[in-house]
Amino acid sequence: MAGSEQGTPVAVLTEDKVDKLRKNMWAMNAVDYSTHPKTTIIETTDEDDNLTTTEITENVLVIELTHKTPDEMAADYHFTTRQNTYLQLLQDPQREEL
């Protein structure tokens, strides 16, 4: 919101815009996963100091999120020479704080 006390909308997230943001997020990131079993041995003692051993096997899910680089995104979206020039300017270390 900007402007007067009541404000003027500057940006509004409609359902359509949220869908576009969601599609961009998936386009900018690659998601991969794998599973593997993991066995753990648990030893416990009861009130009479009798030792009990229990073996538990669980499936572990590993999710890997890989972000695409700006250059990969530029290639995916077929940037023009002008867009690539602007992209390089934005990546200049002097603009890192922006």
PDB file of N, CA and C in Angstrom:
ATOM      1  N   MET A   1       0.843  -1.174   0.000  1.00  0.00           N
ATOM      2  CA  MET A   1       0.000   0.000   0.000  1.00  0.00           C
ATOM      3  C   MET A   1       0.893   1.243   0.000  1.00  0.00           C
ATOM      4  N   ALA A   2       0.421   2.250  -0.643  1.00  0.00           N
ATOM      5  CA  ALA A   2       1.170   3.500  -0.690  1.00  0.00           C
ATOM      6  C   ALA A   2       0.193   4.651  -0.822  1.00  0.00           C
ATOM      7  N   GLY A   3       0.685   5.841  -0.614  1.00  0.00           N
ATOM      8  CA  GLY A   3      -0.141   7.023  -0.814  1.00  0.00           C
ATOM      9  C   GLY A   3      -0.711   7.546   0.481  1.00  0.00           C
ATOM     10  N   SER A   4      -2.003   7.798   0.493  1.00  0.00           N
ATOM     11  CA  SER A   4      -2.658   8.415   1.645  1.00  0.00           C
ATOM     12  C   SER A   4      -2.763   7.434   2.814  1.00  0.00           C
ATOM     13  N   GLU A   5      -3.390   7.893   3.884  1.00  0.00           N
ATOM     14  CA  GLU A   5      -3.566   7.068   5.067  1.00  0.00           C
ATOM     15  C   GLU A   5      -4.313   5.773   4.746  1.00  0.00           C
ATOM     16  N   GLN A   6      -5.297   5.868   3.854  1.00  0.00           N
ATOM     17  CA  GLN A   6      -6.055   4.685   3.457  1.00  0.00           C
ATOM     18  C   GLN A   6      -5.242   3.787   2.510  1.00  0.00           C
ATOM     19  N   GLY A   7      -4.302   4.354   1.839  1.00  0.00           N
ATOM     20  CA  GLY A   7      -3.413   3.601   0.961  1.00  0.00           C
ATOM     21  C   GLY A   7      -3.999   3.315  -0.400  1.00  0.00           C
ATOM     22  N   THR A   8      -3.114   3.131  -1.329  1.00  0.00           N
ATOM     23  CA  THR A   8      -3.458   2.739  -2.683  1.00  0.00           C
ATOM     24  C   THR A   8      -2.732   1.438  -2.972  1.00  0.00           C
ATOM     25  N   PRO A   9      -3.420   0.429  -3.487  1.00  0.00           N
ATOM     26  CA  PRO A   9      -2.741  -0.846  -3.755  1.00  0.00           C
ATOM     27  C   PRO A   9      -1.593  -0.668  -4.749  1.00  0.00           C
ATOM     28  N   VAL A  10      -0.433  -1.183  -4.387  1.00  0.00           N
ATOM     29  CA  VAL A  10       0.726  -1.155  -5.266  1.00  0.00           C
ATOM     30  C   VAL A  10       0.854  -2.509  -5.960  1.00  0.00           C
ATOM     31  N   ALA A  11       0.631  -3.564  -5.229  1.00  0.00           N
ATOM     32  CA  ALA A  11       0.684  -4.915  -5.780  1.00  0.00           C
ATOM     33  C   ALA A  11      -0.415  -5.733  -5.129  1.00  0.00           C
ATOM     34  N   VAL A  12      -1.114  -6.493  -5.941  1.00  0.00           N
ATOM     35  CA  VAL A  12      -2.202  -7.330  -5.444  1.00  0.00           C
ATOM     36  C   VAL A  12      -1.945  -8.755  -5.909  1.00  0.00           C
ATOM     37  N   LEU A  13      -2.017  -9.714  -4.993  1.00  0.00           N
ATOM     38  CA  LEU A  13      -1.826 -11.116  -5.345  1.00  0.00           C
ATOM     39  C   LEU A  13      -3.179 -11.772  -5.589  1.00  0.00           C
ATOM     40  N   THR A  14      -3.525 -11.850  -6.847  1.00  0.00           N
ATOM     41  CA  THR A  14      -4.742 -12.557  -7.227  1.00  0.00           C
ATOM     42  C   THR A  14      -4.410 -14.044  -7.367  1.00  0.00           C
ATOM     43  N   GLU A  15      -5.425 -14.878  -7.484  1.00  0.00           N
ATOM     44  CA  GLU A  15      -5.202 -16.312  -7.666  1.00  0.00           C
ATOM     45  C   GLU A  15      -4.365 -16.585  -8.907  1.00  0.00           C
ATOM     46  N   ASP A  16      -4.614 -15.832  -9.976  1.00  0.00           N
ATOM     47  CA  ASP A  16      -3.857 -15.985 -11.216  1.00  0.00           C
ATOM     48  C   ASP A  16      -2.379 -15.650 -11.002  1.00  0.00           C
ATOM     49  N   LYS A  17      -2.105 -14.567 -10.270  1.00  0.00           N
ATOM     50  CA  LYS A  17      -0.714 -14.170 -10.013  1.00  0.00           C
ATOM     51  C   LYS A  17      -0.011 -15.177  -9.109  1.00  0.00           C
ATOM     52  N   VAL A  18      -0.724 -15.717  -8.143  1.00  0.00           N
ATOM     53  CA  VAL A  18      -0.140 -16.741  -7.269  1.00  0.00           C
ATOM     54  C   VAL A  18       0.217 -17.972  -8.091  1.00  0.00           C
ATOM     55  N   ASP A  19      -0.653 -18.358  -9.026  1.00  0.00           N
ATOM     56  CA  ASP A  19      -0.358 -19.492  -9.902  1.00  0.00           C
ATOM     57  C   ASP A  19       0.888 -19.232 -10.744  1.00  0.00           C
ATOM     58  N   LYS A  20       1.037 -18.006 -11.255  1.00  0.00           N
ATOM     59  CA  LYS A  20       2.224 -17.661 -12.046  1.00  0.00           C
ATOM     60  C   LYS A  20       3.486 -17.718 -11.186  1.00  0.00           C
ATOM     61  N   LEU A  21       3.404 -17.223  -9.958  1.00  0.00           N
ATOM     62  CA  LEU A  21       4.552 -17.285  -9.047  1.00  0.00           C
ATOM     63  C   LEU A  21       4.926 -18.733  -8.751  1.00  0.00           C
ATOM     64  N   ARG A  22       3.919 -19.560  -8.549  1.00  0.00           N
ATOM     65  CA  ARG A  22       4.160 -20.977  -8.270  1.00  0.00           C
ATOM     66  C   ARG A  22       4.861 -21.639  -9.460  1.00  0.00           C
ATOM     67  N   LYS A  23       4.401 -21.358 -10.688  1.00  0.00           N
ATOM     68  CA  LYS A  23       5.026 -21.930 -11.879  1.00  0.00           C
ATOM     69  C   LYS A  23       6.472 -21.462 -12.011  1.00  0.00           C
ATOM     70  N   ASN A  24       6.718 -20.182 -11.711  1.00  0.00           N
ATOM     71  CA  ASN A  24       8.093 -19.659 -11.774  1.00  0.00           C
ATOM     72  C   ASN A  24       8.983 -20.337 -10.744  1.00  0.00           C
ATOM     73  N   MET A  25       8.453 -20.559  -9.549  1.00  0.00           N
ATOM     74  CA  MET A  25       9.247 -21.223  -8.500  1.00  0.00           C
ATOM     75  C   MET A  25       9.678 -22.604  -8.975  1.00  0.00           C
ATOM     76  N   TRP A  26       8.750 -23.364  -9.563  1.00  0.00           N
ATOM     77  CA  TRP A  26       9.096 -24.704 -10.037  1.00  0.00           C
ATOM     78  C   TRP A  26      10.026 -24.641 -11.238  1.00  0.00           C
ATOM     79  N   ALA A  27       9.936 -23.593 -12.043  1.00  0.00           N
ATOM     80  CA  ALA A  27      10.838 -23.452 -13.183  1.00  0.00           C
ATOM     81  C   ALA A  27      12.248 -23.110 -12.729  1.00  0.00           C
ATOM     82  N   MET A  28      12.377 -22.431 -11.594  1.00  0.00           N
ATOM     83  CA  MET A  28      13.677 -21.979 -11.109  1.00  0.00           C
ATOM     84  C   MET A  28      14.392 -23.007 -10.241  1.00  0.00           C
ATOM     85  N   ASN A  29      13.695 -24.059  -9.863  1.00  0.00           N
ATOM     86  CA  ASN A  29      14.268 -25.041  -8.950  1.00  0.00           C
ATOM     87  C   ASN A  29      14.023 -26.449  -9.476  1.00  0.00           C
ATOM     88  N   ALA A  30      14.995 -27.317  -9.247  1.00  0.00           N
ATOM     89  CA  ALA A  30      14.840 -28.731  -9.569  1.00  0.00           C
ATOM     90  C   ALA A  30      14.738 -29.492  -8.247  1.00  0.00           C
ATOM     91  N   VAL A  31      13.791 -30.399  -8.189  1.00  0.00           N
ATOM     92  CA  VAL A  31      13.581 -31.180  -6.972  1.00  0.00           C
ATOM     93  C   VAL A  31      13.837 -32.639  -7.293  1.00  0.00           C
ATOM     94  N   ASP A  32      14.662 -33.268  -6.469  1.00  0.00           N
ATOM     95  CA  ASP A  32      14.944 -34.686  -6.615  1.00  0.00           C
ATOM     96  C   ASP A  32      14.812 -35.332  -5.245  1.00  0.00           C
ATOM     97  N   TYR A  33      14.582 -36.619  -5.224  1.00  0.00           N
ATOM     98  CA  TYR A  33      14.467 -37.301  -3.935  1.00  0.00           C
ATOM     99  C   TYR A  33      14.977 -38.729  -4.054  1.00  0.00           C
ATOM    100  N   SER A  34      15.289 -39.296  -2.908  1.00  0.00           N
ATOM    101  CA  SER A  34      15.676 -40.701  -2.834  1.00  0.00           C
ATOM    102  C   SER A  34      15.263 -41.218  -1.463  1.00  0.00           C
ATOM    103  N   THR A  35      15.192 -42.525  -1.355  1.00  0.00           N
ATOM    104  CA  THR A  35      14.896 -43.154  -0.058  1.00  0.00           C
ATOM    105  C   THR A  35      15.924 -44.246   0.185  1.00  0.00           C
ATOM    106  N   HIS A  36      16.191 -44.494   1.453  1.00  0.00           N
ATOM    107  CA  HIS A  36      17.068 -45.600   1.814  1.00  0.00           C
ATOM    108  C   HIS A  36      16.701 -46.072   3.228  1.00  0.00           C
ATOM    109  N   PRO A  37      16.876 -47.363   3.475  1.00  0.00           N
ATOM    110  CA  PRO A  37      16.561 -47.867   4.812  1.00  0.00           C
ATOM    111  C   PRO A  37      17.668 -47.526   5.803  1.00  0.00           C
ATOM    112  N   LYS A  38      17.280 -47.309   7.046  1.00  0.00           N
ATOM    113  CA  LYS A  38      18.247 -47.054   8.111  1.00  0.00           C
ATOM    114  C   LYS A  38      17.821 -47.899   9.313  1.00  0.00           C
ATOM    115  N   THR A  39      18.756 -48.691   9.795  1.00  0.00           N
ATOM    116  CA  THR A  39      18.476 -49.561  10.926  1.00  0.00           C
ATOM    117  C   THR A  39      19.156 -49.012  12.174  1.00  0.00           C
ATOM    118  N   THR A  40      18.398 -48.978  13.257  1.00  0.00           N
ATOM    119  CA  THR A  40      18.911 -48.498  14.544  1.00  0.00           C
ATOM    120  C   THR A  40      18.665 -49.576  15.588  1.00  0.00           C
ATOM    121  N   ILE A  41      19.638 -49.794  16.433  1.00  0.00           N
ATOM    122  CA  ILE A  41      19.492 -50.757  17.529  1.00  0.00           C
ATOM    123  C   ILE A  41      19.338 -49.978  18.826  1.00  0.00           C
ATOM    124  N   ILE A  42      18.263 -50.273  19.524  1.00  0.00           N
ATOM    125  CA  ILE A  42      17.966 -49.588  20.786  1.00  0.00           C
ATOM    126  C   ILE A  42      18.075 -50.591  21.927  1.00  0.00           C
ATOM    127  N   GLU A  43      18.878 -50.240  22.912  1.00  0.00           N
ATOM    128  CA  GLU A  43      19.023 -51.097  24.087  1.00  0.00           C
ATOM    129  C   GLU A  43      18.364 -50.415  25.284  1.00  0.00           C
ATOM    130  N   THR A  44      17.530 -51.155  25.974  1.00  0.00           N
ATOM    131  CA  THR A  44      16.859 -50.636  27.168  1.00  0.00           C
ATOM    132  C   THR A  44      16.977 -51.663  28.284  1.00  0.00           C
ATOM    133  N   THR A  45      16.850 -51.185  29.490  1.00  0.00           N
ATOM    134  CA  THR A  45      16.830 -52.084  30.657  1.00  0.00           C
ATOM    135  C   THR A  45      15.532 -51.862  31.411  1.00  0.00           C
ATOM    136  N   ASP A  46      15.007 -52.969  31.952  1.00  0.00           N
ATOM    137  CA  ASP A  46      13.782 -52.841  32.736  1.00  0.00           C
ATOM    138  C   ASP A  46      14.128 -52.622  34.196  1.00  0.00           C
ATOM    139  N   GLU A  47      13.121 -52.682  35.051  1.00  0.00           N
ATOM    140  CA  GLU A  47      13.322 -52.422  36.484  1.00  0.00           C
ATOM    141  C   GLU A  47      14.289 -53.404  37.134  1.00  0.00           C
ATOM    142  N   ASP A  48      14.373 -54.630  36.584  1.00  0.00           N
ATOM    143  CA  ASP A  48      15.267 -55.662  37.147  1.00  0.00           C
ATOM    144  C   ASP A  48      16.623 -55.690  36.464  1.00  0.00           C
ATOM    145  N   ASP A  49      16.952 -54.656  35.736  1.00  0.00           N
ATOM    146  CA  ASP A  49      18.216 -54.532  35.001  1.00  0.00           C
ATOM    147  C   ASP A  49      18.390 -55.591  33.911  1.00  0.00           C
ATOM    148  N   ASN A  50      17.287 -56.071  33.374  1.00  0.00           N
ATOM    149  CA  ASN A  50      17.355 -56.993  32.243  1.00  0.00           C
ATOM    150  C   ASN A  50      17.479 -56.164  30.957  1.00  0.00           C
ATOM    151  N   LEU A  51      18.465 -56.515  30.156  1.00  0.00           N
ATOM    152  CA  LEU A  51      18.735 -55.780  28.923  1.00  0.00           C
ATOM    153  C   LEU A  51      17.851 -56.304  27.792  1.00  0.00           C
ATOM    154  N   THR A  52      17.228 -55.391  27.088  1.00  0.00           N
ATOM    155  CA  THR A  52      16.418 -55.740  25.923  1.00  0.00           C
ATOM    156  C   THR A  52      16.970 -54.971  24.727  1.00  0.00           C
ATOM    157  N   THR A  53      17.161 -55.683  23.628  1.00  0.00           N
ATOM    158  CA  THR A  53      17.656 -55.062  22.404  1.00  0.00           C
ATOM    159  C   THR A  53      16.547 -55.098  21.367  1.00  0.00           C
ATOM    160  N   THR A  54      16.278 -53.938  20.776  1.00  0.00           N
ATOM    161  CA  THR A  54      15.260 -53.834  19.737  1.00  0.00           C
ATOM    162  C   THR A  54      15.893 -53.227  18.493  1.00  0.00           C
ATOM    163  N   GLU A  55      15.623 -53.841  17.353  1.00  0.00           N
ATOM    164  CA  GLU A  55      16.139 -53.334  16.088  1.00  0.00           C
ATOM    165  C   GLU A  55      14.976 -52.701  15.323  1.00  0.00           C
ATOM    166  N   ILE A  56      15.157 -51.437  14.929  1.00  0.00           N
ATOM    167  CA  ILE A  56      14.128 -50.706  14.195  1.00  0.00           C
ATOM    168  C   ILE A  56      14.704 -50.286  12.849  1.00  0.00           C
ATOM    169  N   THR A  57      13.979 -50.622  11.791  1.00  0.00           N
ATOM    170  CA  THR A  57      14.387 -50.207  10.447  1.00  0.00           C
ATOM    171  C   THR A  57      13.343 -49.225   9.924  1.00  0.00           C
ATOM    172  N   GLU A  58      13.823 -48.058   9.503  1.00  0.00           N
ATOM    173  CA  GLU A  58      12.950 -47.017   8.975  1.00  0.00           C
ATOM    174  C   GLU A  58      13.420 -46.643   7.575  1.00  0.00           C
ATOM    175  N   ASN A  59      12.502 -46.170   6.764  1.00  0.00           N
ATOM    176  CA  ASN A  59      12.865 -45.621   5.458  1.00  0.00           C
ATOM    177  C   ASN A  59      13.107 -44.132   5.625  1.00  0.00           C
ATOM    178  N   VAL A  60      14.254 -43.674   5.153  1.00  0.00           N
ATOM    179  CA  VAL A  60      14.634 -42.267   5.240  1.00  0.00           C
ATOM    180  C   VAL A  60      14.404 -41.619   3.880  1.00  0.00           C
ATOM    181  N   LEU A  61      13.711 -40.503   3.890  1.00  0.00           N
ATOM    182  CA  LEU A  61      13.456 -39.737   2.674  1.00  0.00           C
ATOM    183  C   LEU A  61      14.442 -38.581   2.611  1.00  0.00           C
ATOM    184  N   VAL A  62      15.170 -38.474   1.501  1.00  0.00           N
ATOM    185  CA  VAL A  62      16.117 -37.380   1.285  1.00  0.00           C
ATOM    186  C   VAL A  62      15.595 -36.553   0.116  1.00  0.00           C
ATOM    187  N   ILE A  63      15.353 -35.269   0.358  1.00  0.00           N
ATOM    188  CA  ILE A  63      14.864 -34.361  -0.680  1.00  0.00           C
ATOM    189  C   ILE A  63      15.974 -33.370  -1.007  1.00  0.00           C
ATOM    190  N   GLU A  64      16.265 -33.234  -2.295  1.00  0.00           N
ATOM    191  CA  GLU A  64      17.326 -32.317  -2.726  1.00  0.00           C
ATOM    192  C   GLU A  64      16.723 -31.249  -3.623  1.00  0.00           C
ATOM    193  N   LEU A  65      16.885 -29.999  -3.221  1.00  0.00           N
ATOM    194  CA  LEU A  65      16.395 -28.856  -3.984  1.00  0.00           C
ATOM    195  C   LEU A  65      17.601 -28.151  -4.586  1.00  0.00           C
ATOM    196  N   THR A  66      17.631 -28.052  -5.905  1.00  0.00           N
ATOM    197  CA  THR A  66      18.744 -27.421  -6.602  1.00  0.00           C
ATOM    198  C   THR A  66      18.226 -26.193  -7.338  1.00  0.00           C
ATOM    199  N   HIS A  67      18.818 -25.050  -7.043  1.00  0.00           N
ATOM    200  CA  HIS A  67      18.415 -23.799  -7.684  1.00  0.00           C
ATOM    201  C   HIS A  67      19.136 -23.660  -9.023  1.00  0.00           C
ATOM    202  N   LYS A  68      18.395 -23.247 -10.033  1.00  0.00           N
ATOM    203  CA  LYS A  68      19.025 -22.975 -11.317  1.00  0.00           C
ATOM    204  C   LYS A  68      19.763 -21.646 -11.223  1.00  0.00           C
ATOM    205  N   THR A  69      20.839 -21.538 -11.983  1.00  0.00           N
ATOM    206  CA  THR A  69      21.614 -20.300 -11.999  1.00  0.00           C
ATOM    207  C   THR A  69      20.895 -19.288 -12.895  1.00  0.00           C
ATOM    208  N   PRO A  70      21.228 -18.002 -12.730  1.00  0.00           N
ATOM    209  CA  PRO A  70      20.645 -17.002 -13.627  1.00  0.00           C
ATOM    210  C   PRO A  70      20.937 -17.298 -15.098  1.00  0.00           C
ATOM    211  N   ASP A  71      22.128 -17.810 -15.396  1.00  0.00           N
ATOM    212  CA  ASP A  71      22.467 -18.134 -16.781  1.00  0.00           C
ATOM    213  C   ASP A  71      21.606 -19.281 -17.313  1.00  0.00           C
ATOM    214  N   GLU A  72      21.337 -20.279 -16.466  1.00  0.00           N
ATOM    215  CA  GLU A  72      20.459 -21.376 -16.878  1.00  0.00           C
ATOM    216  C   GLU A  72      19.045 -20.867 -17.149  1.00  0.00           C
ATOM    217  N   MET A  73      18.569 -19.967 -16.292  1.00  0.00           N
ATOM    218  CA  MET A  73      17.237 -19.406 -16.481  1.00  0.00           C
ATOM    219  C   MET A  73      17.184 -18.562 -17.762  1.00  0.00           C
ATOM    220  N   ALA A  74      18.249 -17.798 -18.019  1.00  0.00           N
ATOM    221  CA  ALA A  74      18.298 -16.985 -19.241  1.00  0.00           C
ATOM    222  C   ALA A  74      18.229 -17.881 -20.473  1.00  0.00           C
ATOM    223  N   ALA A  75      18.919 -19.019 -20.426  1.00  0.00           N
ATOM    224  CA  ALA A  75      18.875 -19.962 -21.551  1.00  0.00           C
ATOM    225  C   ALA A  75      17.477 -20.574 -21.684  1.00  0.00           C
ATOM    226  N   ASP A  76      16.880 -20.952 -20.550  1.00  0.00           N
ATOM    227  CA  ASP A  76      15.533 -21.550 -20.569  1.00  0.00           C
ATOM    228  C   ASP A  76      14.500 -20.604 -21.169  1.00  0.00           C
ATOM    229  N   TYR A  77      14.640 -19.309 -20.866  1.00  0.00           N
ATOM    230  CA  TYR A  77      13.667 -18.319 -21.330  1.00  0.00           C
ATOM    231  C   TYR A  77      14.113 -17.587 -22.598  1.00  0.00           C
ATOM    232  N   HIS A  78      15.216 -18.056 -23.195  1.00  0.00           N
ATOM    233  CA  HIS A  78      15.707 -17.510 -24.466  1.00  0.00           C
ATOM    234  C   HIS A  78      15.859 -15.984 -24.411  1.00  0.00           C
ATOM    235  N   PHE A  79      16.651 -15.524 -23.433  1.00  0.00           N
ATOM    236  CA  PHE A  79      16.875 -14.094 -23.287  1.00  0.00           C
ATOM    237  C   PHE A  79      17.475 -13.512 -24.564  1.00  0.00           C
ATOM    238  N   THR A  80      17.080 -12.287 -24.844  1.00  0.00           N
ATOM    239  CA  THR A  80      17.666 -11.549 -25.963  1.00  0.00           C
ATOM    240  C   THR A  80      19.023 -11.005 -25.518  1.00  0.00           C
ATOM    241  N   THR A  81      19.766 -10.458 -26.461  1.00  0.00           N
ATOM    242  CA  THR A  81      21.056  -9.849 -26.132  1.00  0.00           C
ATOM    243  C   THR A  81      20.870  -8.739 -25.103  1.00  0.00           C
ATOM    244  N   ARG A  82      19.849  -7.931 -25.290  1.00  0.00           N
ATOM    245  CA  ARG A  82      19.583  -6.828 -24.360  1.00  0.00           C
ATOM    246  C   ARG A  82      19.258  -7.361 -22.957  1.00  0.00           C
ATOM    247  N   GLN A  83      18.421  -8.391 -22.874  1.00  0.00           N
ATOM    248  CA  GLN A  83      18.087  -8.970 -21.569  1.00  0.00           C
ATOM    249  C   GLN A  83      19.321  -9.565 -20.897  1.00  0.00           C
ATOM    250  N   ASN A  84      20.197 -10.210 -21.684  1.00  0.00           N
ATOM    251  CA  ASN A  84      21.439 -10.752 -21.124  1.00  0.00           C
ATOM    252  C   ASN A  84      22.348  -9.649 -20.608  1.00  0.00           C
ATOM    253  N   THR A  85      22.373  -8.516 -21.306  1.00  0.00           N
ATOM    254  CA  THR A  85      23.171  -7.370 -20.854  1.00  0.00           C
ATOM    255  C   THR A  85      22.658  -6.886 -19.500  1.00  0.00           C
ATOM    256  N   TYR A  86      21.334  -6.739 -19.375  1.00  0.00           N
ATOM    257  CA  TYR A  86      20.746  -6.318 -18.093  1.00  0.00           C
ATOM    258  C   TYR A  86      21.003  -7.344 -16.992  1.00  0.00           C
ATOM    259  N   LEU A  87      20.943  -8.614 -17.352  1.00  0.00           N
ATOM    260  CA  LEU A  87      21.215  -9.664 -16.368  1.00  0.00           C
ATOM    261  C   LEU A  87      22.643  -9.552 -15.843  1.00  0.00           C
ATOM    262  N   GLN A  88      23.598  -9.314 -16.742  1.00  0.00           N
ATOM    263  CA  GLN A  88      24.988  -9.152 -16.321  1.00  0.00           C
ATOM    264  C   GLN A  88      25.161  -7.928 -15.418  1.00  0.00           C
ATOM    265  N   LEU A  89      24.461  -6.845 -15.754  1.00  0.00           N
ATOM    266  CA  LEU A  89      24.525  -5.641 -14.915  1.00  0.00           C
ATOM    267  C   LEU A  89      23.970  -5.928 -13.512  1.00  0.00           C
ATOM    268  N   LEU A  90      22.887  -6.678 -13.445  1.00  0.00           N
ATOM    269  CA  LEU A  90      22.288  -7.009 -12.148  1.00  0.00           C
ATOM    270  C   LEU A  90      23.187  -7.913 -11.312  1.00  0.00           C
ATOM    271  N   GLN A  91      24.008  -8.709 -11.976  1.00  0.00           N
ATOM    272  CA  GLN A  91      24.894  -9.633 -11.265  1.00  0.00           C
ATOM    273  C   GLN A  91      26.226  -9.001 -10.867  1.00  0.00           C
ATOM    274  N   ASP A  92      26.436  -7.767 -11.237  1.00  0.00           N
ATOM    275  CA  ASP A  92      27.667  -7.064 -10.880  1.00  0.00           C
ATOM    276  C   ASP A  92      27.798  -7.027  -9.359  1.00  0.00           C
ATOM    277  N   PRO A  93      28.962  -7.382  -8.811  1.00  0.00           N
ATOM    278  CA  PRO A  93      29.157  -7.375  -7.348  1.00  0.00           C
ATOM    279  C   PRO A  93      28.827  -6.035  -6.682  1.00  0.00           C
ATOM    280  N   GLN A  94      28.944  -4.934  -7.428  1.00  0.00           N
ATOM    281  CA  GLN A  94      28.610  -3.631  -6.867  1.00  0.00           C
ATOM    282  C   GLN A  94      27.123  -3.523  -6.510  1.00  0.00           C
ATOM    283  N   ARG A  95      26.302  -4.357  -7.141  1.00  0.00           N
ATOM    284  CA  ARG A  95      24.857  -4.320  -6.898  1.00  0.00           C
ATOM    285  C   ARG A  95      24.398  -5.415  -5.939  1.00  0.00           C
ATOM    286  N   GLU A  96      25.334  -6.067  -5.301  1.00  0.00           N
ATOM    287  CA  GLU A  96      25.017  -7.203  -4.416  1.00  0.00           C
ATOM    288  C   GLU A  96      24.033  -6.825  -3.309  1.00  0.00           C
ATOM    289  N   GLU A  97      24.172  -5.634  -2.757  1.00  0.00           N
ATOM    290  CA  GLU A  97      23.291  -5.213  -1.672  1.00  0.00           C
ATOM    291  C   GLU A  97      21.861  -5.000  -2.134  1.00  0.00           C
ATOM    292  N   LEU A  98      21.655  -4.720  -3.418  1.00  0.00           N
ATOM    293  CA  LEU A  98      20.311  -4.514  -3.939  1.00  0.00           C
ATOM    294  C   LEU A  98      19.542  -5.799  -3.871  1.00  0.00           C
TER     295      LEU A  98
END
